[in-house]
Each structure stands twice: as structure tokens, then as C-alpha cells.
Amino acid sequence: MKLDVSTQVSDSLRQLGTNAPAIVAQAIQQGLRASGEVVTSEAKRQVYLGHPEHLKGDTGRLRQSIQWEVRGNETHVGSSVVYAAIHEFGGKTRARVIEARRAKALRFMGRGGEIIFRRRVNHPGSQIPARPYIRTALRDRLGEVQRVFAMMLKRGLTR
């Protein structure tokens, strides 16, 4: 499952890009790329640092998988890691059987505090709360995205 968050160029700006010299179209693309960099770096920071809804058991895999890509007049920020969407939006995992693979038994704490060993257990599934890192990054850095995009356009228009 792939998670995408996109920012779009307004219709008037898109029209300017198609009717203006190539330098303006290039400035729009630079703005889209710069926006992708800003949101991606903030999303990685949100995953890595102690964000109030910090992801538990962090191995760095999700953080390393966050990337951006410009497609036409849109910047897509996302992750191809299977569990990226459930962390961003929350949800329920399916019930499943968990079996010991590297050891003879699984070890866990029972409700009464006793240690239990089992070769396999039936896991009922888990309710995962939403821990948005891409939407939060976009919200927290929207002003910077707008400033960077405007700066790239201004540079392009004043050449």
C-alpha cells in the first residue's frame, strides 16, 4: 500500500506555467521539488523525534522510506512501507496466529503478572491509533512551503 499526500498548483498558476516562457515552468518545477524536500524532511523529523504521537518500536525503516516525487504539477510525499498508512491514518490489524520461529516458544506476561510460554498464540488484532506524520509535517511547514514556492517563482519571473 502506498500513501501519497500531494500539493497541487492552482489553475491560474498552472496556466501561467503553460503560457509563460520555459523559465517560469522551470521555476514551478523547482518550487514543487523544494516543497517536496521541506515536507519530506519534516515528516522524517516527526517520525524520528518525540512528536506527541511518536511511533513506538522505531527501527528507522519508516523514516528512511519517506520520499517525494514530482508528477506533472503535483508533489507527492509518501512511503512504500506496508505499515505507513496505518500509522498515518490509524485502523485495526487483522486477527492472526503468531508462532515461535527462532525459539522453541514465545514468552509473554499474563494478566496476573505471571510469565507464560506458548509455541503459538491467537492474536485478536490491534486497534492502532492514527499517528500522522505526513499530514502533520504539511500542516506544520505549510507556511515555509508557501514561502519557498513563492521564492522559486519570483526567481524565475525576475530572470
C-alpha atoms as a PDB file:
ATOM      1  CA  MET A   1       0.000   0.000   0.000  1.00  0.00           C
ATOM      2  CA  LYS A   2       1.364   3.380  -0.953  1.00  0.00           C
ATOM      3  CA  LEU A   3       0.494   6.536   0.933  1.00  0.00           C
ATOM      4  CA  ASP A   4       0.541   9.779  -1.042  1.00  0.00           C
ATOM      5  CA  VAL A   5      -0.011  13.329   0.114  1.00  0.00           C
ATOM      6  CA  SER A   6       0.032  15.809  -2.727  1.00  0.00           C
ATOM      7  CA  THR A   7       0.212  19.558  -3.086  1.00  0.00           C
ATOM      8  CA  GLN A   8      -1.259  20.963  -6.272  1.00  0.00           C
ATOM      9  CA  VAL A   9      -0.526  24.035  -8.299  1.00  0.00           C
ATOM     10  CA  SER A  10      -3.542  26.338  -8.624  1.00  0.00           C
ATOM     11  CA  ASP A  11      -5.244  26.547 -12.029  1.00  0.00           C
ATOM     12  CA  SER A  12      -4.131  30.146 -12.573  1.00  0.00           C
ATOM     13  CA  LEU A  13      -0.524  29.276 -11.740  1.00  0.00           C
ATOM     14  CA  ARG A  14      -0.694  26.183 -13.942  1.00  0.00           C
ATOM     15  CA  GLN A  15      -1.981  28.324 -16.812  1.00  0.00           C
ATOM     16  CA  LEU A  16       0.854  30.773 -16.244  1.00  0.00           C
ATOM     17  CA  GLY A  17       3.271  27.852 -16.411  1.00  0.00           C
ATOM     18  CA  THR A  18       1.923  26.658 -19.767  1.00  0.00           C
ATOM     19  CA  ASN A  19       1.667  30.109 -21.352  1.00  0.00           C
ATOM     20  CA  ALA A  20       4.863  31.658 -19.969  1.00  0.00           C
ATOM     21  CA  PRO A  21       8.448  31.126 -21.089  1.00  0.00           C
ATOM     22  CA  ALA A  22      10.231  27.911 -20.178  1.00  0.00           C
ATOM     23  CA  ILE A  23      11.991  29.666 -17.303  1.00  0.00           C
ATOM     24  CA  VAL A  24       8.679  30.067 -15.441  1.00  0.00           C
ATOM     25  CA  ALA A  25       7.778  26.416 -15.997  1.00  0.00           C
ATOM     26  CA  GLN A  26      11.212  25.527 -14.648  1.00  0.00           C
ATOM     27  CA  ALA A  27      10.628  27.779 -11.608  1.00  0.00           C
ATOM     28  CA  ILE A  28       7.323  25.990 -10.928  1.00  0.00           C
ATOM     29  CA  GLN A  29       9.091  22.628 -11.061  1.00  0.00           C
ATOM     30  CA  GLN A  30      11.807  23.927  -8.725  1.00  0.00           C
ATOM     31  CA  GLY A  31       9.107  25.122  -6.331  1.00  0.00           C
ATOM     32  CA  LEU A  32       7.448  21.714  -6.415  1.00  0.00           C
ATOM     33  CA  ARG A  33      10.768  19.979  -5.731  1.00  0.00           C
ATOM     34  CA  ALA A  34      11.640  22.385  -2.913  1.00  0.00           C
ATOM     35  CA  SER A  35       8.190  21.820  -1.394  1.00  0.00           C
ATOM     36  CA  GLY A  36       8.774  18.073  -1.526  1.00  0.00           C
ATOM     37  CA  GLU A  37      12.098  18.470   0.281  1.00  0.00           C
ATOM     38  CA  VAL A  38      10.572  20.617   3.031  1.00  0.00           C
ATOM     39  CA  VAL A  39       7.624  18.291   3.729  1.00  0.00           C
ATOM     40  CA  THR A  40       9.736  15.126   3.481  1.00  0.00           C
ATOM     41  CA  SER A  41      12.384  16.370   5.905  1.00  0.00           C
ATOM     42  CA  GLU A  42       9.692  17.443   8.382  1.00  0.00           C
ATOM     43  CA  ALA A  43       7.854  14.101   8.047  1.00  0.00           C
ATOM     44  CA  LYS A  44      11.109  12.261   8.804  1.00  0.00           C
ATOM     45  CA  ARG A  45      11.654  14.534  11.792  1.00  0.00           C
ATOM     46  CA  GLN A  46       8.110  13.845  13.018  1.00  0.00           C
ATOM     47  CA  VAL A  47       8.760  10.097  12.895  1.00  0.00           C
ATOM     48  CA  TYR A  48      12.212  10.368  14.479  1.00  0.00           C
ATOM     49  CA  LEU A  49      11.741  12.904  17.252  1.00  0.00           C
ATOM     50  CA  GLY A  50       9.456  12.765  20.231  1.00  0.00           C
ATOM     51  CA  HIS A  51       6.387  14.018  18.402  1.00  0.00           C
ATOM     52  CA  PRO A  52       3.393  13.728  20.782  1.00  0.00           C
ATOM     53  CA  GLU A  53       2.177  10.756  18.759  1.00  0.00           C
ATOM     54  CA  HIS A  54       5.690   9.298  18.211  1.00  0.00           C
ATOM     55  CA  LEU A  55       5.784   5.888  16.609  1.00  0.00           C
ATOM     56  CA  LYS A  56       6.742   3.135  19.052  1.00  0.00           C
ATOM     57  CA  GLY A  57       9.360   0.488  18.303  1.00  0.00           C
ATOM     58  CA  ASP A  58      11.077   2.690  15.736  1.00  0.00           C
ATOM     59  CA  THR A  59      13.675   0.833  13.634  1.00  0.00           C
ATOM     60  CA  GLY A  60      14.175   3.715  11.208  1.00  0.00           C
ATOM     61  CA  ARG A  61      12.663   1.796   8.286  1.00  0.00           C
ATOM     62  CA  LEU A  62       9.573   4.007   8.002  1.00  0.00           C
ATOM     63  CA  ARG A  63      11.615   7.192   8.355  1.00  0.00           C
ATOM     64  CA  GLN A  64      14.092   6.083   5.672  1.00  0.00           C
ATOM     65  CA  SER A  65      11.280   5.146   3.291  1.00  0.00           C
ATOM     66  CA  ILE A  66       9.671   8.610   3.200  1.00  0.00           C
ATOM     67  CA  GLN A  67      10.312  10.159  -0.209  1.00  0.00           C
ATOM     68  CA  TRP A  68       8.933  12.803  -2.530  1.00  0.00           C
ATOM     69  CA  GLU A  69       8.334  12.806  -6.243  1.00  0.00           C
ATOM     70  CA  VAL A  70       7.098  15.448  -8.685  1.00  0.00           C
ATOM     71  CA  ARG A  71       4.460  14.161 -11.107  1.00  0.00           C
ATOM     72  CA  GLY A  72       3.367  16.803 -13.551  1.00  0.00           C
ATOM     73  CA  ASN A  73       2.205  19.764 -11.454  1.00  0.00           C
ATOM     74  CA  GLU A  74       1.971  17.848  -8.170  1.00  0.00           C
ATOM     75  CA  THR A  75       4.431  16.906  -5.475  1.00  0.00           C
ATOM     76  CA  HIS A  76       3.745  13.533  -3.849  1.00  0.00           C
ATOM     77  CA  VAL A  77       5.205  12.717  -0.447  1.00  0.00           C
ATOM     78  CA  GLY A  78       4.795   9.163   0.762  1.00  0.00           C
ATOM     79  CA  SER A  79       6.181   5.833   1.814  1.00  0.00           C
ATOM     80  CA  SER A  80       6.049   2.392   0.243  1.00  0.00           C
ATOM     81  CA  VAL A  81       6.409   0.630   3.619  1.00  0.00           C
ATOM     82  CA  VAL A  82       3.385  -1.620   4.168  1.00  0.00           C
ATOM     83  CA  TYR A  83       2.525  -0.178   7.593  1.00  0.00           C
ATOM     84  CA  ALA A  84       2.929   3.504   6.630  1.00  0.00           C
ATOM     85  CA  ALA A  85      -0.788   4.102   6.021  1.00  0.00           C
ATOM     86  CA  ILE A  86      -1.984   2.508   9.257  1.00  0.00           C
ATOM     87  CA  HIS A  87       0.388   4.734  11.229  1.00  0.00           C
ATOM     88  CA  GLU A  88      -0.734   7.828   9.322  1.00  0.00           C
ATOM     89  CA  PHE A  89      -4.486   7.142   9.449  1.00  0.00           C
ATOM     90  CA  GLY A  90      -4.942   4.503  12.183  1.00  0.00           C
ATOM     91  CA  GLY A  91      -7.014   1.356  11.860  1.00  0.00           C
ATOM     92  CA  LYS A  92      -7.402  -2.205  13.038  1.00  0.00           C
ATOM     93  CA  THR A  93      -4.996  -5.014  12.224  1.00  0.00           C
ATOM     94  CA  ARG A  94      -6.436  -8.400  11.349  1.00  0.00           C
ATOM     95  CA  ALA A  95      -6.604 -11.325  13.770  1.00  0.00           C
ATOM     96  CA  ARG A  96      -3.747 -13.772  13.202  1.00  0.00           C
ATOM     97  CA  VAL A  97      -1.776 -16.670  14.616  1.00  0.00           C
ATOM     98  CA  ILE A  98       1.706 -15.888  15.933  1.00  0.00           C
ATOM     99  CA  GLU A  99       4.153 -18.798  16.091  1.00  0.00           C
ATOM    100  CA  ALA A 100       7.636 -19.089  17.566  1.00  0.00           C
ATOM    101  CA  ARG A 101      10.149 -19.209  14.706  1.00  0.00           C
ATOM    102  CA  ARG A 102      13.590 -18.528  16.160  1.00  0.00           C
ATOM    103  CA  ALA A 103      12.981 -20.072  19.548  1.00  0.00           C
ATOM    104  CA  LYS A 104      11.054 -23.030  20.940  1.00  0.00           C
ATOM    105  CA  ALA A 105       8.400 -20.814  22.500  1.00  0.00           C
ATOM    106  CA  LEU A 106       7.000 -17.311  22.751  1.00  0.00           C
ATOM    107  CA  ARG A 107       7.377 -15.625  26.142  1.00  0.00           C
ATOM    108  CA  PHE A 108       4.935 -13.024  27.398  1.00  0.00           C
ATOM    109  CA  MET A 109       3.387 -11.671  30.573  1.00  0.00           C
ATOM    110  CA  GLY A 110      -0.068 -12.926  31.556  1.00  0.00           C
ATOM    111  CA  ARG A 111      -2.768 -10.702  33.021  1.00  0.00           C
ATOM    112  CA  GLY A 112      -1.922 -11.801  36.535  1.00  0.00           C
ATOM    113  CA  GLY A 113       1.741 -10.901  36.057  1.00  0.00           C
ATOM    114  CA  GLU A 114       2.890 -14.497  35.523  1.00  0.00           C
ATOM    115  CA  ILE A 115       5.274 -15.396  32.709  1.00  0.00           C
ATOM    116  CA  ILE A 116       3.699 -17.608  30.050  1.00  0.00           C
ATOM    117  CA  PHE A 117       5.410 -19.704  27.362  1.00  0.00           C
ATOM    118  CA  ARG A 118       3.496 -20.851  24.262  1.00  0.00           C
ATOM    119  CA  ARG A 119       4.532 -22.277  20.905  1.00  0.00           C
ATOM    120  CA  ARG A 120       1.725 -20.301  19.206  1.00  0.00           C
ATOM    121  CA  VAL A 121      -0.963 -17.809  20.186  1.00  0.00           C
ATOM    122  CA  ASN A 122      -4.083 -16.423  18.550  1.00  0.00           C
ATOM    123  CA  HIS A 123      -3.681 -12.664  18.365  1.00  0.00           C
ATOM    124  CA  PRO A 124      -7.080 -10.902  18.169  1.00  0.00           C
ATOM    125  CA  GLY A 125      -5.765  -7.925  16.172  1.00  0.00           C
ATOM    126  CA  SER A 126      -4.923  -4.471  17.434  1.00  0.00           C
ATOM    127  CA  GLN A 127      -6.515  -1.056  17.213  1.00  0.00           C
ATOM    128  CA  ILE A 128      -3.742   1.259  16.009  1.00  0.00           C
ATOM    129  CA  PRO A 129      -4.337   4.957  16.719  1.00  0.00           C
ATOM    130  CA  ALA A 130      -3.632   7.480  13.968  1.00  0.00           C
ATOM    131  CA  ARG A 131      -0.146   8.938  14.347  1.00  0.00           C
ATOM    132  CA  PRO A 132       0.010  11.314  11.384  1.00  0.00           C
ATOM    133  CA  TYR A 133       3.492  12.280  10.370  1.00  0.00           C
ATOM    134  CA  ILE A 134       2.982  13.397   6.744  1.00  0.00           C
ATOM    135  CA  ARG A 135      -0.210  15.380   7.326  1.00  0.00           C
ATOM    136  CA  THR A 136       1.344  16.896  10.456  1.00  0.00           C
ATOM    137  CA  ALA A 137       4.506  17.774   8.522  1.00  0.00           C
ATOM    138  CA  LEU A 138       2.468  19.508   5.831  1.00  0.00           C
ATOM    139  CA  ARG A 139       0.401  21.384   8.434  1.00  0.00           C
ATOM    140  CA  ASP A 140       3.452  22.427  10.473  1.00  0.00           C
ATOM    141  CA  ARG A 141       5.525  23.543   7.483  1.00  0.00           C
ATOM    142  CA  LEU A 142       2.806  24.906   5.179  1.00  0.00           C
ATOM    143  CA  GLY A 143       3.993  28.487   5.631  1.00  0.00           C
ATOM    144  CA  GLU A 144       7.545  27.511   4.716  1.00  0.00           C
ATOM    145  CA  VAL A 145       6.315  25.537   1.704  1.00  0.00           C
ATOM    146  CA  GLN A 146       4.429  28.614   0.505  1.00  0.00           C
ATOM    147  CA  ARG A 147       7.449  30.895   1.054  1.00  0.00           C
ATOM    148  CA  VAL A 148       9.866  28.525  -0.719  1.00  0.00           C
ATOM    149  CA  PHE A 149       7.483  28.067  -3.632  1.00  0.00           C
ATOM    150  CA  ALA A 150       6.947  31.832  -3.925  1.00  0.00           C
ATOM    151  CA  MET A 151      10.709  32.436  -3.767  1.00  0.00           C
ATOM    152  CA  MET A 152      11.342  29.960  -6.611  1.00  0.00           C
ATOM    153  CA  LEU A 153       8.626  31.586  -8.729  1.00  0.00           C
ATOM    154  CA  LYS A 154       9.930  35.087  -8.011  1.00  0.00           C
ATOM    155  CA  ARG A 155      13.418  33.993  -9.022  1.00  0.00           C
ATOM    156  CA  GLY A 156      12.061  32.531 -12.239  1.00  0.00           C
ATOM    157  CA  LEU A 157       9.985  35.592 -13.088  1.00  0.00           C
ATOM    158  CA  THR A 158      12.815  38.072 -12.443  1.00  0.00           C
ATOM    159  CA  ARG A 159      15.377  36.349 -14.675  1.00  0.00           C
END
